Amino acid sequence: MRFLIDADLPRRTAGLLKTYGHESVDVRDVGLGGASDQEVAEYGRAHRLCLLTGDFGFADIRNYPPERLGGLVVLEIPKNATADMILRLLESLLRQADIVERLPGRLAIVEWGNVRIRPKA
């Protein structure tokens, strides 16, 4: 799987994804660290990357249809979460290979103890 890491996630996210055999691009490494959500989504669409973010604005599929991306994963990050907590939340998804395989073209909301995945449109 190929992911686009949004700027609201820790820099160590790429290393965790690599540990699970995934490729990634961090928006901060391609000049999009301060970009609008629309610009980030467009980059993901153009490169068929699954967008990985903690920004719930992306969960609005009317504005960000996951089928136009390589998928969309929104992490429900608690207030005051540390980088380690965010990475553990992401790892809870990555350990579920059957769900990760279903991500292309879909929206997944990852919260503690649960992953909700929306069917393809």
PDB file of N, CA and C in Angstrom:
ATOM      1  N   MET A   1       0.849  -1.174   0.000  1.00  0.00           N
ATOM      2  CA  MET A   1       0.000   0.000   0.000  1.00  0.00           C
ATOM      3  C   MET A   1       0.892   1.233   0.000  1.00  0.00           C
ATOM      4  N   ARG A   2       0.427   2.296  -0.629  1.00  0.00           N
ATOM      5  CA  ARG A   2       1.168   3.557  -0.695  1.00  0.00           C
ATOM      6  C   ARG A   2       0.343   4.646  -0.006  1.00  0.00           C
ATOM      7  N   PHE A   3       0.950   5.293   0.973  1.00  0.00           N
ATOM      8  CA  PHE A   3       0.261   6.288   1.790  1.00  0.00           C
ATOM      9  C   PHE A   3       0.827   7.681   1.586  1.00  0.00           C
ATOM     10  N   LEU A   4      -0.033   8.682   1.752  1.00  0.00           N
ATOM     11  CA  LEU A   4       0.357  10.082   1.841  1.00  0.00           C
ATOM     12  C   LEU A   4       0.121  10.511   3.279  1.00  0.00           C
ATOM     13  N   ILE A   5       1.188  10.875   3.970  1.00  0.00           N
ATOM     14  CA  ILE A   5       1.114  11.233   5.383  1.00  0.00           C
ATOM     15  C   ILE A   5       0.855  12.721   5.508  1.00  0.00           C
ATOM     16  N   ASP A   6      -0.233  13.085   6.166  1.00  0.00           N
ATOM     17  CA  ASP A   6      -0.579  14.489   6.373  1.00  0.00           C
ATOM     18  C   ASP A   6       0.336  15.095   7.434  1.00  0.00           C
ATOM     19  N   ALA A   7       0.439  16.413   7.417  1.00  0.00           N
ATOM     20  CA  ALA A   7       1.360  17.138   8.301  1.00  0.00           C
ATOM     21  C   ALA A   7       0.980  17.065   9.768  1.00  0.00           C
ATOM     22  N   ASP A   8      -0.233  16.641  10.079  1.00  0.00           N
ATOM     23  CA  ASP A   8      -0.647  16.579  11.487  1.00  0.00           C
ATOM     24  C   ASP A   8      -0.200  15.294  12.178  1.00  0.00           C
ATOM     25  N   LEU A   9       0.474  14.423  11.449  1.00  0.00           N
ATOM     26  CA  LEU A   9       0.952  13.161  12.024  1.00  0.00           C
ATOM     27  C   LEU A   9       2.458  13.244  12.294  1.00  0.00           C
ATOM     28  N   PRO A  10       2.930  12.456  13.255  1.00  0.00           N
ATOM     29  CA  PRO A  10       4.358  12.499  13.607  1.00  0.00           C
ATOM     30  C   PRO A  10       5.252  12.101  12.440  1.00  0.00           C
ATOM     31  N   ARG A  11       6.436  12.651  12.416  1.00  0.00           N
ATOM     32  CA  ARG A  11       7.427  12.306  11.391  1.00  0.00           C
ATOM     33  C   ARG A  11       7.751  10.819  11.396  1.00  0.00           C
ATOM     34  N   ARG A  12       7.671  10.186  12.549  1.00  0.00           N
ATOM     35  CA  ARG A  12       7.991   8.759  12.657  1.00  0.00           C
ATOM     36  C   ARG A  12       6.952   7.858  11.995  1.00  0.00           C
ATOM     37  N   THR A  13       5.873   8.438  11.495  1.00  0.00           N
ATOM     38  CA  THR A  13       4.822   7.654  10.839  1.00  0.00           C
ATOM     39  C   THR A  13       5.383   6.862   9.660  1.00  0.00           C
ATOM     40  N   ALA A  14       6.259   7.483   8.886  1.00  0.00           N
ATOM     41  CA  ALA A  14       6.829   6.798   7.714  1.00  0.00           C
ATOM     42  C   ALA A  14       7.581   5.538   8.121  1.00  0.00           C
ATOM     43  N   GLY A  15       8.325   5.612   9.199  1.00  0.00           N
ATOM     44  CA  GLY A  15       9.060   4.440   9.666  1.00  0.00           C
ATOM     45  C   GLY A  15       8.143   3.313  10.083  1.00  0.00           C
ATOM     46  N   LEU A  16       7.042   3.649  10.756  1.00  0.00           N
ATOM     47  CA  LEU A  16       6.078   2.626  11.168  1.00  0.00           C
ATOM     48  C   LEU A  16       5.452   1.969   9.937  1.00  0.00           C
ATOM     49  N   LEU A  17       5.069   2.772   8.966  1.00  0.00           N
ATOM     50  CA  LEU A  17       4.481   2.222   7.744  1.00  0.00           C
ATOM     51  C   LEU A  17       5.471   1.287   7.048  1.00  0.00           C
ATOM     52  N   LYS A  18       6.732   1.689   6.998  1.00  0.00           N
ATOM     53  CA  LYS A  18       7.762   0.861   6.361  1.00  0.00           C
ATOM     54  C   LYS A  18       7.913  -0.473   7.088  1.00  0.00           C
ATOM     55  N   THR A  19       7.826  -0.447   8.416  1.00  0.00           N
ATOM     56  CA  THR A  19       7.918  -1.681   9.209  1.00  0.00           C
ATOM     57  C   THR A  19       6.859  -2.693   8.774  1.00  0.00           C
ATOM     58  N   TYR A  20       5.696  -2.197   8.368  1.00  0.00           N
ATOM     59  CA  TYR A  20       4.611  -3.072   7.936  1.00  0.00           C
ATOM     60  C   TYR A  20       4.606  -3.293   6.422  1.00  0.00           C
ATOM     61  N   GLY A  21       5.687  -2.883   5.743  1.00  0.00           N
ATOM     62  CA  GLY A  21       5.827  -3.167   4.318  1.00  0.00           C
ATOM     63  C   GLY A  21       5.166  -2.176   3.389  1.00  0.00           C
ATOM     64  N   HIS A  22       4.830  -0.987   3.893  1.00  0.00           N
ATOM     65  CA  HIS A  22       4.144   0.008   3.077  1.00  0.00           C
ATOM     66  C   HIS A  22       5.089   1.135   2.674  1.00  0.00           C
ATOM     67  N   GLU A  23       4.782   1.757   1.565  1.00  0.00           N
ATOM     68  CA  GLU A  23       5.519   2.932   1.102  1.00  0.00           C
ATOM     69  C   GLU A  23       4.760   4.169   1.548  1.00  0.00           C
ATOM     70  N   SER A  24       5.486   5.295   1.655  1.00  0.00           N
ATOM     71  CA  SER A  24       4.795   6.520   2.034  1.00  0.00           C
ATOM     72  C   SER A  24       5.518   7.747   1.514  1.00  0.00           C
ATOM     73  N   VAL A  25       4.743   8.819   1.405  1.00  0.00           N
ATOM     74  CA  VAL A  25       5.237  10.147   1.084  1.00  0.00           C
ATOM     75  C   VAL A  25       4.678  11.056   2.163  1.00  0.00           C
ATOM     76  N   ASP A  26       5.528  11.880   2.753  1.00  0.00           N
ATOM     77  CA  ASP A  26       5.090  12.835   3.769  1.00  0.00           C
ATOM     78  C   ASP A  26       4.876  14.178   3.073  1.00  0.00           C
ATOM     79  N   VAL A  27       3.735  14.817   3.306  1.00  0.00           N
ATOM     80  CA  VAL A  27       3.440  16.091   2.645  1.00  0.00           C
ATOM     81  C   VAL A  27       4.537  17.122   2.899  1.00  0.00           C
ATOM     82  N   ARG A  28       5.181  17.035   4.058  1.00  0.00           N
ATOM     83  CA  ARG A  28       6.237  17.997   4.401  1.00  0.00           C
ATOM     84  C   ARG A  28       7.465  17.810   3.527  1.00  0.00           C
ATOM     85  N   ASP A  29       7.626  16.631   2.932  1.00  0.00           N
ATOM     86  CA  ASP A  29       8.787  16.361   2.090  1.00  0.00           C
ATOM     87  C   ASP A  29       8.563  16.730   0.629  1.00  0.00           C
ATOM     88  N   VAL A  30       7.335  17.081   0.277  1.00  0.00           N
ATOM     89  CA  VAL A  30       7.029  17.454  -1.113  1.00  0.00           C
ATOM     90  C   VAL A  30       6.487  18.885  -1.193  1.00  0.00           C
ATOM     91  N   GLY A  31       6.813  19.686  -0.182  1.00  0.00           N
ATOM     92  CA  GLY A  31       6.441  21.097  -0.200  1.00  0.00           C
ATOM     93  C   GLY A  31       4.990  21.394   0.120  1.00  0.00           C
ATOM     94  N   LEU A  32       4.292  20.446   0.749  1.00  0.00           N
ATOM     95  CA  LEU A  32       2.876  20.647   1.058  1.00  0.00           C
ATOM     96  C   LEU A  32       2.613  20.721   2.558  1.00  0.00           C
ATOM     97  N   GLY A  33       3.649  20.982   3.349  1.00  0.00           N
ATOM     98  CA  GLY A  33       3.485  21.028   4.800  1.00  0.00           C
ATOM     99  C   GLY A  33       2.469  22.048   5.268  1.00  0.00           C
ATOM    100  N   GLY A  34       2.359  23.168   4.577  1.00  0.00           N
ATOM    101  CA  GLY A  34       1.389  24.203   4.941  1.00  0.00           C
ATOM    102  C   GLY A  34       0.265  24.332   3.926  1.00  0.00           C
ATOM    103  N   ALA A  35       0.091  23.309   3.104  1.00  0.00           N
ATOM    104  CA  ALA A  35      -0.897  23.358   2.024  1.00  0.00           C
ATOM    105  C   ALA A  35      -2.324  23.213   2.556  1.00  0.00           C
ATOM    106  N   SER A  36      -3.260  23.650   1.751  1.00  0.00           N
ATOM    107  CA  SER A  36      -4.678  23.487   2.086  1.00  0.00           C
ATOM    108  C   SER A  36      -5.060  22.015   1.975  1.00  0.00           C
ATOM    109  N   ASP A  37      -6.170  21.670   2.614  1.00  0.00           N
ATOM    110  CA  ASP A  37      -6.666  20.296   2.516  1.00  0.00           C
ATOM    111  C   ASP A  37      -6.902  19.911   1.059  1.00  0.00           C
ATOM    112  N   GLN A  38      -7.428  20.842   0.288  1.00  0.00           N
ATOM    113  CA  GLN A  38      -7.714  20.576  -1.124  1.00  0.00           C
ATOM    114  C   GLN A  38      -6.431  20.255  -1.895  1.00  0.00           C
ATOM    115  N   GLU A  39      -5.354  20.990  -1.615  1.00  0.00           N
ATOM    116  CA  GLU A  39      -4.081  20.739  -2.288  1.00  0.00           C
ATOM    117  C   GLU A  39      -3.510  19.374  -1.894  1.00  0.00           C
ATOM    118  N   VAL A  40      -3.630  19.030  -0.623  1.00  0.00           N
ATOM    119  CA  VAL A  40      -3.154  17.725  -0.155  1.00  0.00           C
ATOM    120  C   VAL A  40      -3.951  16.606  -0.838  1.00  0.00           C
ATOM    121  N   ALA A  41      -5.264  16.761  -0.872  1.00  0.00           N
ATOM    122  CA  ALA A  41      -6.109  15.749  -1.513  1.00  0.00           C
ATOM    123  C   ALA A  41      -5.780  15.618  -2.999  1.00  0.00           C
ATOM    124  N   GLU A  42      -5.534  16.726  -3.654  1.00  0.00           N
ATOM    125  CA  GLU A  42      -5.203  16.697  -5.079  1.00  0.00           C
ATOM    126  C   GLU A  42      -3.890  15.948  -5.321  1.00  0.00           C
ATOM    127  N   TYR A  43      -2.904  16.160  -4.468  1.00  0.00           N
ATOM    128  CA  TYR A  43      -1.635  15.438  -4.591  1.00  0.00           C
ATOM    129  C   TYR A  43      -1.876  13.936  -4.412  1.00  0.00           C
ATOM    130  N   GLY A  44      -2.658  13.585  -3.419  1.00  0.00           N
ATOM    131  CA  GLY A  44      -2.984  12.173  -3.199  1.00  0.00           C
ATOM    132  C   GLY A  44      -3.691  11.556  -4.386  1.00  0.00           C
ATOM    133  N   ARG A  45      -4.621  12.316  -4.963  1.00  0.00           N
ATOM    134  CA  ARG A  45      -5.356  11.830  -6.127  1.00  0.00           C
ATOM    135  C   ARG A  45      -4.420  11.639  -7.316  1.00  0.00           C
ATOM    136  N   ALA A  46      -3.582  12.640  -7.565  1.00  0.00           N
ATOM    137  CA  ALA A  46      -2.691  12.602  -8.726  1.00  0.00           C
ATOM    138  C   ALA A  46      -1.696  11.444  -8.646  1.00  0.00           C
ATOM    139  N   HIS A  47      -1.335  11.049  -7.429  1.00  0.00           N
ATOM    140  CA  HIS A  47      -0.345   9.989  -7.248  1.00  0.00           C
ATOM    141  C   HIS A  47      -0.951   8.675  -6.731  1.00  0.00           C
ATOM    142  N   ARG A  48      -2.288   8.619  -6.680  1.00  0.00           N
ATOM    143  CA  ARG A  48      -3.024   7.421  -6.230  1.00  0.00           C
ATOM    144  C   ARG A  48      -2.508   6.913  -4.888  1.00  0.00           C
ATOM    145  N   LEU A  49      -2.390   7.842  -3.933  1.00  0.00           N
ATOM    146  CA  LEU A  49      -1.938   7.516  -2.586  1.00  0.00           C
ATOM    147  C   LEU A  49      -3.127   7.483  -1.634  1.00  0.00           C
ATOM    148  N   CYS A  50      -3.069   6.627  -0.650  1.00  0.00           N
ATOM    149  CA  CYS A  50      -4.076   6.575   0.404  1.00  0.00           C
ATOM    150  C   CYS A  50      -3.700   7.650   1.429  1.00  0.00           C
ATOM    151  N   LEU A  51      -4.553   8.637   1.601  1.00  0.00           N
ATOM    152  CA  LEU A  51      -4.276   9.736   2.518  1.00  0.00           C
ATOM    153  C   LEU A  51      -4.463   9.287   3.954  1.00  0.00           C
ATOM    154  N   LEU A  52      -3.458   9.532   4.776  1.00  0.00           N
ATOM    155  CA  LEU A  52      -3.457   9.179   6.187  1.00  0.00           C
ATOM    156  C   LEU A  52      -3.381  10.477   6.976  1.00  0.00           C
ATOM    157  N   THR A  53      -4.414  10.750   7.800  1.00  0.00           N
ATOM    158  CA  THR A  53      -4.527  12.041   8.463  1.00  0.00           C
ATOM    159  C   THR A  53      -5.245  11.928   9.797  1.00  0.00           C
ATOM    160  N   GLY A  54      -5.106  12.954  10.598  1.00  0.00           N
ATOM    161  CA  GLY A  54      -5.879  13.085  11.826  1.00  0.00           C
ATOM    162  C   GLY A  54      -6.905  14.195  11.698  1.00  0.00           C
ATOM    163  N   ASP A  55      -7.059  14.737  10.509  1.00  0.00           N
ATOM    164  CA  ASP A  55      -7.956  15.859  10.237  1.00  0.00           C
ATOM    165  C   ASP A  55      -9.329  15.337   9.815  1.00  0.00           C
ATOM    166  N   PHE A  56     -10.308  15.491  10.708  1.00  0.00           N
ATOM    167  CA  PHE A  56     -11.642  14.963  10.419  1.00  0.00           C
ATOM    168  C   PHE A  56     -12.350  15.690   9.285  1.00  0.00           C
ATOM    169  N   GLY A  57     -11.829  16.826   8.855  1.00  0.00           N
ATOM    170  CA  GLY A  57     -12.394  17.495   7.691  1.00  0.00           C
ATOM    171  C   GLY A  57     -12.355  16.605   6.458  1.00  0.00           C
ATOM    172  N   PHE A  58     -11.355  15.732   6.395  1.00  0.00           N
ATOM    173  CA  PHE A  58     -11.240  14.816   5.256  1.00  0.00           C
ATOM    174  C   PHE A  58     -12.285  13.707   5.287  1.00  0.00           C
ATOM    175  N   ALA A  59     -12.957  13.513   6.399  1.00  0.00           N
ATOM    176  CA  ALA A  59     -13.974  12.455   6.495  1.00  0.00           C
ATOM    177  C   ALA A  59     -15.254  12.823   5.760  1.00  0.00           C
ATOM    178  N   ASP A  60     -15.366  14.062   5.305  1.00  0.00           N
ATOM    179  CA  ASP A  60     -16.536  14.491   4.534  1.00  0.00           C
ATOM    180  C   ASP A  60     -16.361  14.015   3.097  1.00  0.00           C
ATOM    181  N   ILE A  61     -16.958  12.889   2.788  1.00  0.00           N
ATOM    182  CA  ILE A  61     -16.744  12.268   1.475  1.00  0.00           C
ATOM    183  C   ILE A  61     -17.373  13.064   0.333  1.00  0.00           C
ATOM    184  N   ARG A  62     -18.225  14.043   0.652  1.00  0.00           N
ATOM    185  CA  ARG A  62     -18.756  14.907  -0.407  1.00  0.00           C
ATOM    186  C   ARG A  62     -17.646  15.806  -0.946  1.00  0.00           C
ATOM    187  N   ASN A  63     -16.742  16.217  -0.070  1.00  0.00           N
ATOM    188  CA  ASN A  63     -15.626  17.073  -0.482  1.00  0.00           C
ATOM    189  C   ASN A  63     -14.383  16.276  -0.861  1.00  0.00           C
ATOM    190  N   TYR A  64     -14.210  15.116  -0.241  1.00  0.00           N
ATOM    191  CA  TYR A  64     -13.016  14.293  -0.457  1.00  0.00           C
ATOM    192  C   TYR A  64     -13.422  12.841  -0.709  1.00  0.00           C
ATOM    193  N   PRO A  65     -13.980  12.563  -1.894  1.00  0.00           N
ATOM    194  CA  PRO A  65     -14.404  11.183  -2.185  1.00  0.00           C
ATOM    195  C   PRO A  65     -13.211  10.224  -2.177  1.00  0.00           C
ATOM    196  N   PRO A  66     -13.231   9.213  -1.302  1.00  0.00           N
ATOM    197  CA  PRO A  66     -12.074   8.312  -1.186  1.00  0.00           C
ATOM    198  C   PRO A  66     -11.788   7.519  -2.458  1.00  0.00           C
ATOM    199  N   GLU A  67     -12.802   7.336  -3.309  1.00  0.00           N
ATOM    200  CA  GLU A  67     -12.559   6.594  -4.542  1.00  0.00           C
ATOM    201  C   GLU A  67     -11.695   7.392  -5.517  1.00  0.00           C
ATOM    202  N   ARG A  68     -11.570   8.685  -5.311  1.00  0.00           N
ATOM    203  CA  ARG A  68     -10.682   9.493  -6.152  1.00  0.00           C
ATOM    204  C   ARG A  68      -9.248   9.487  -5.648  1.00  0.00           C
ATOM    205  N   LEU A  69      -9.065   8.993  -4.447  1.00  0.00           N
ATOM    206  CA  LEU A  69      -7.732   8.830  -3.875  1.00  0.00           C
ATOM    207  C   LEU A  69      -7.399   7.345  -3.918  1.00  0.00           C
ATOM    208  N   GLY A  70      -6.277   6.998  -3.353  1.00  0.00           N
ATOM    209  CA  GLY A  70      -5.966   5.586  -3.189  1.00  0.00           C
ATOM    210  C   GLY A  70      -6.597   5.065  -1.914  1.00  0.00           C
ATOM    211  N   GLY A  71      -7.534   5.831  -1.352  1.00  0.00           N
ATOM    212  CA  GLY A  71      -8.180   5.542  -0.086  1.00  0.00           C
ATOM    213  C   GLY A  71      -7.969   6.707   0.868  1.00  0.00           C
ATOM    214  N   LEU A  72      -8.616   6.631   2.012  1.00  0.00           N
ATOM    215  CA  LEU A  72      -8.565   7.715   2.988  1.00  0.00           C
ATOM    216  C   LEU A  72      -8.690   7.123   4.378  1.00  0.00           C
ATOM    217  N   VAL A  73      -7.695   7.393   5.233  1.00  0.00           N
ATOM    218  CA  VAL A  73      -7.705   6.913   6.615  1.00  0.00           C
ATOM    219  C   VAL A  73      -7.656   8.119   7.527  1.00  0.00           C
ATOM    220  N   VAL A  74      -8.675   8.252   8.385  1.00  0.00           N
ATOM    221  CA  VAL A  74      -8.720   9.334   9.356  1.00  0.00           C
ATOM    222  C   VAL A  74      -8.559   8.721  10.746  1.00  0.00           C
ATOM    223  N   LEU A  75      -7.511   9.155  11.440  1.00  0.00           N
ATOM    224  CA  LEU A  75      -7.267   8.695  12.806  1.00  0.00           C
ATOM    225  C   LEU A  75      -7.995   9.614  13.773  1.00  0.00           C
ATOM    226  N   GLU A  76      -8.765   9.047  14.677  1.00  0.00           N
ATOM    227  CA  GLU A  76      -9.431   9.848  15.711  1.00  0.00           C
ATOM    228  C   GLU A  76      -8.434  10.031  16.851  1.00  0.00           C
ATOM    229  N   ILE A  77      -7.748  11.141  16.806  1.00  0.00           N
ATOM    230  CA  ILE A  77      -6.662  11.415  17.749  1.00  0.00           C
ATOM    231  C   ILE A  77      -7.210  12.177  18.948  1.00  0.00           C
ATOM    232  N   PRO A  78      -7.073  11.617  20.148  1.00  0.00           N
ATOM    233  CA  PRO A  78      -7.546  12.310  21.346  1.00  0.00           C
ATOM    234  C   PRO A  78      -6.763  13.600  21.577  1.00  0.00           C
ATOM    235  N   LYS A  79      -7.407  14.569  22.195  1.00  0.00           N
ATOM    236  CA  LYS A  79      -6.715  15.801  22.563  1.00  0.00           C
ATOM    237  C   LYS A  79      -5.529  15.449  23.453  1.00  0.00           C
ATOM    238  N   ASN A  80      -4.475  16.191  23.345  1.00  0.00           N
ATOM    239  CA  ASN A  80      -3.251  16.000  24.137  1.00  0.00           C
ATOM    240  C   ASN A  80      -2.568  14.656  23.884  1.00  0.00           C
ATOM    241  N   ALA A  81      -2.849  14.029  22.754  1.00  0.00           N
ATOM    242  CA  ALA A  81      -2.195  12.755  22.428  1.00  0.00           C
ATOM    243  C   ALA A  81      -0.724  13.004  22.119  1.00  0.00           C
ATOM    244  N   THR A  82       0.111  12.113  22.575  1.00  0.00           N
ATOM    245  CA  THR A  82       1.529  12.183  22.257  1.00  0.00           C
ATOM    246  C   THR A  82       1.780  11.505  20.913  1.00  0.00           C
ATOM    247  N   ALA A  83       2.971  11.722  20.366  1.00  0.00           N
ATOM    248  CA  ALA A  83       3.336  11.057  19.113  1.00  0.00           C
ATOM    249  C   ALA A  83       3.277   9.542  19.274  1.00  0.00           C
ATOM    250  N   ASP A  84       3.732   9.034  20.414  1.00  0.00           N
ATOM    251  CA  ASP A  84       3.682   7.584  20.643  1.00  0.00           C
ATOM    252  C   ASP A  84       2.246   7.067  20.641  1.00  0.00           C
ATOM    253  N   MET A  85       1.324   7.819  21.211  1.00  0.00           N
ATOM    254  CA  MET A  85      -0.082   7.396  21.225  1.00  0.00           C
ATOM    255  C   MET A  85      -0.648   7.361  19.806  1.00  0.00           C
ATOM    256  N   ILE A  86      -0.310   8.360  19.018  1.00  0.00           N
ATOM    257  CA  ILE A  86      -0.795   8.409  17.632  1.00  0.00           C
ATOM    258  C   ILE A  86      -0.258   7.216  16.844  1.00  0.00           C
ATOM    259  N   LEU A  87       1.005   6.914  17.038  1.00  0.00           N
ATOM    260  CA  LEU A  87       1.598   5.774  16.324  1.00  0.00           C
ATOM    261  C   LEU A  87       0.993   4.449  16.773  1.00  0.00           C
ATOM    262  N   ARG A  88       0.672   4.316  18.042  1.00  0.00           N
ATOM    263  CA  ARG A  88       0.002   3.085  18.517  1.00  0.00           C
ATOM    264  C   ARG A  88      -1.392   2.969  17.899  1.00  0.00           C
ATOM    265  N   LEU A  89      -2.084   4.093  17.763  1.00  0.00           N
ATOM    266  CA  LEU A  89      -3.404   4.073  17.129  1.00  0.00           C
ATOM    267  C   LEU A  89      -3.276   3.616  15.679  1.00  0.00           C
ATOM    268  N   LEU A  90      -2.315   4.171  14.961  1.00  0.00           N
ATOM    269  CA  LEU A  90      -2.093   3.747  13.579  1.00  0.00           C
ATOM    270  C   LEU A  90      -1.707   2.274  13.513  1.00  0.00           C
ATOM    271  N   GLU A  91      -0.860   1.842  14.427  1.00  0.00           N
ATOM    272  CA  GLU A  91      -0.442   0.438  14.423  1.00  0.00           C
ATOM    273  C   GLU A  91      -1.621  -0.499  14.655  1.00  0.00           C
ATOM    274  N   SER A  92      -2.625  -0.048  15.396  1.00  0.00           N
ATOM    275  CA  SER A  92      -3.814  -0.885  15.602  1.00  0.00           C
ATOM    276  C   SER A  92      -4.512  -1.174  14.275  1.00  0.00           C
ATOM    277  N   LEU A  93      -4.393  -0.263  13.329  1.00  0.00           N
ATOM    278  CA  LEU A  93      -4.914  -0.508  11.983  1.00  0.00           C
ATOM    279  C   LEU A  93      -3.954  -1.393  11.194  1.00  0.00           C
ATOM    280  N   LEU A  94      -2.688  -1.061  11.203  1.00  0.00           N
ATOM    281  CA  LEU A  94      -1.711  -1.777  10.378  1.00  0.00           C
ATOM    282  C   LEU A  94      -1.615  -3.251  10.720  1.00  0.00           C
ATOM    283  N   ARG A  95      -1.906  -3.613  11.954  1.00  0.00           N
ATOM    284  CA  ARG A  95      -1.887  -5.027  12.361  1.00  0.00           C
ATOM    285  C   ARG A  95      -3.030  -5.823  11.721  1.00  0.00           C
ATOM    286  N   GLN A  96      -4.017  -5.138  11.205  1.00  0.00           N
ATOM    287  CA  GLN A  96      -5.187  -5.795  10.606  1.00  0.00           C
ATOM    288  C   GLN A  96      -5.049  -5.781   9.082  1.00  0.00           C
ATOM    289  N   ALA A  97      -4.202  -6.651   8.583  1.00  0.00           N
ATOM    290  CA  ALA A  97      -3.882  -6.679   7.158  1.00  0.00           C
ATOM    291  C   ALA A  97      -5.122  -6.825   6.285  1.00  0.00           C
ATOM    292  N   ASP A  98      -6.123  -7.559   6.753  1.00  0.00           N
ATOM    293  CA  ASP A  98      -7.344  -7.738   5.963  1.00  0.00           C
ATOM    294  C   ASP A  98      -8.060  -6.411   5.745  1.00  0.00           C
ATOM    295  N   ILE A  99      -8.024  -5.523   6.721  1.00  0.00           N
ATOM    296  CA  ILE A  99      -8.650  -4.208   6.574  1.00  0.00           C
ATOM    297  C   ILE A  99      -7.793  -3.312   5.694  1.00  0.00           C
ATOM    298  N   VAL A 100      -6.483  -3.338   5.899  1.00  0.00           N
ATOM    299  CA  VAL A 100      -5.573  -2.514   5.094  1.00  0.00           C
ATOM    300  C   VAL A 100      -5.726  -2.857   3.614  1.00  0.00           C
ATOM    301  N   GLU A 101      -5.894  -4.125   3.290  1.00  0.00           N
ATOM    302  CA  GLU A 101      -6.079  -4.550   1.899  1.00  0.00           C
ATOM    303  C   GLU A 101      -7.341  -3.962   1.281  1.00  0.00           C
ATOM    304  N   ARG A 102      -8.340  -3.654   2.103  1.00  0.00           N
ATOM    305  CA  ARG A 102      -9.617  -3.129   1.611  1.00  0.00           C
ATOM    306  C   ARG A 102      -9.634  -1.605   1.510  1.00  0.00           C
ATOM    307  N   LEU A 103      -8.559  -0.918   1.891  1.00  0.00           N
ATOM    308  CA  LEU A 103      -8.549   0.542   1.940  1.00  0.00           C
ATOM    309  C   LEU A 103      -8.662   1.253   0.590  1.00  0.00           C
ATOM    310  N   PRO A 104      -8.058   0.769  -0.485  1.00  0.00           N
ATOM    311  CA  PRO A 104      -8.146   1.540  -1.733  1.00  0.00           C
ATOM    312  C   PRO A 104      -9.596   1.879  -2.108  1.00  0.00           C
ATOM    313  N   GLY A 105      -9.819   3.177  -2.310  1.00  0.00           N
ATOM    314  CA  GLY A 105     -11.147   3.643  -2.693  1.00  0.00           C
ATOM    315  C   GLY A 105     -12.145   3.761  -1.562  1.00  0.00           C
ATOM    316  N   ARG A 106     -11.705   3.557  -0.328  1.00  0.00           N
ATOM    317  CA  ARG A 106     -12.630   3.592   0.812  1.00  0.00           C
ATOM    318  C   ARG A 106     -12.147   4.572   1.873  1.00  0.00           C
ATOM    319  N   LEU A 107     -13.096   4.966   2.729  1.00  0.00           N
ATOM    320  CA  LEU A 107     -12.805   5.774   3.911  1.00  0.00           C
ATOM    321  C   LEU A 107     -12.789   4.859   5.123  1.00  0.00           C
ATOM    322  N   ALA A 108     -11.730   4.977   5.919  1.00  0.00           N
ATOM    323  CA  ALA A 108     -11.654   4.252   7.185  1.00  0.00           C
ATOM    324  C   ALA A 108     -11.443   5.270   8.300  1.00  0.00           C
ATOM    325  N   ILE A 109     -12.224   5.120   9.371  1.00  0.00           N
ATOM    326  CA  ILE A 109     -12.062   5.926  10.578  1.00  0.00           C
ATOM    327  C   ILE A 109     -11.475   4.995  11.631  1.00  0.00           C
ATOM    328  N   VAL A 110     -10.306   5.376  12.159  1.00  0.00           N
ATOM    329  CA  VAL A 110      -9.622   4.534  13.141  1.00  0.00           C
ATOM    330  C   VAL A 110      -9.722   5.217  14.501  1.00  0.00           C
ATOM    331  N   GLU A 111     -10.358   4.520  15.435  1.00  0.00           N
ATOM    332  CA  GLU A 111     -10.468   5.015  16.802  1.00  0.00           C
ATOM    333  C   GLU A 111      -9.972   3.911  17.725  1.00  0.00           C
ATOM    334  N   TRP A 112      -9.750   4.244  18.985  1.00  0.00           N
ATOM    335  CA  TRP A 112      -9.242   3.233  19.919  1.00  0.00           C
ATOM    336  C   TRP A 112     -10.204   2.051  19.973  1.00  0.00           C
ATOM    337  N   GLY A 113      -9.702   0.871  19.628  1.00  0.00           N
ATOM    338  CA  GLY A 113     -10.482  -0.356  19.719  1.00  0.00           C
ATOM    339  C   GLY A 113     -11.449  -0.598  18.582  1.00  0.00           C
ATOM    340  N   ASN A 114     -11.422   0.243  17.530  1.00  0.00           N
ATOM    341  CA  ASN A 114     -12.401   0.072  16.468  1.00  0.00           C
ATOM    342  C   ASN A 114     -11.897   0.710  15.173  1.00  0.00           C
ATOM    343  N   VAL A 115     -12.200   0.057  14.068  1.00  0.00           N
ATOM    344  CA  VAL A 115     -11.963   0.624  12.743  1.00  0.00           C
ATOM    345  C   VAL A 115     -13.280   0.547  11.996  1.00  0.00           C
ATOM    346  N   ARG A 116     -13.760   1.702  11.569  1.00  0.00           N
ATOM    347  CA  ARG A 116     -14.979   1.743  10.745  1.00  0.00           C
ATOM    348  C   ARG A 116     -14.535   1.979   9.314  1.00  0.00           C
ATOM    349  N   ILE A 117     -14.986   1.124   8.402  1.00  0.00           N
ATOM    350  CA  ILE A 117     -14.621   1.262   7.006  1.00  0.00           C
ATOM    351  C   ILE A 117     -15.891   1.382   6.165  1.00  0.00           C
ATOM    352  N   ARG A 118     -15.920   2.417   5.369  1.00  0.00           N
ATOM    353  CA  ARG A 118     -17.097   2.681   4.543  1.00  0.00           C
ATOM    354  C   ARG A 118     -16.991   1.879   3.243  1.00  0.00           C
ATOM    355  N   PRO A 119     -18.095   1.278   2.833  1.00  0.00           N
ATOM    356  CA  PRO A 119     -18.074   0.529   1.571  1.00  0.00           C
ATOM    357  C   PRO A 119     -17.757   1.461   0.405  1.00  0.00           C
ATOM    358  N   LYS A 120     -17.266   0.893  -0.678  1.00  0.00           N
ATOM    359  CA  LYS A 120     -17.019   1.693  -1.877  1.00  0.00           C
ATOM    360  C   LYS A 120     -18.334   2.246  -2.389  1.00  0.00           C
ATOM    361  N   ALA A 121     -18.243   3.445  -2.965  1.00  0.00           N
ATOM    362  CA  ALA A 121     -19.458   4.097  -3.503  1.00  0.00           C
ATOM    363  C   ALA A 121     -19.930   3.395  -4.747  1.00  0.00           C
TER     364      ALA A 121
END
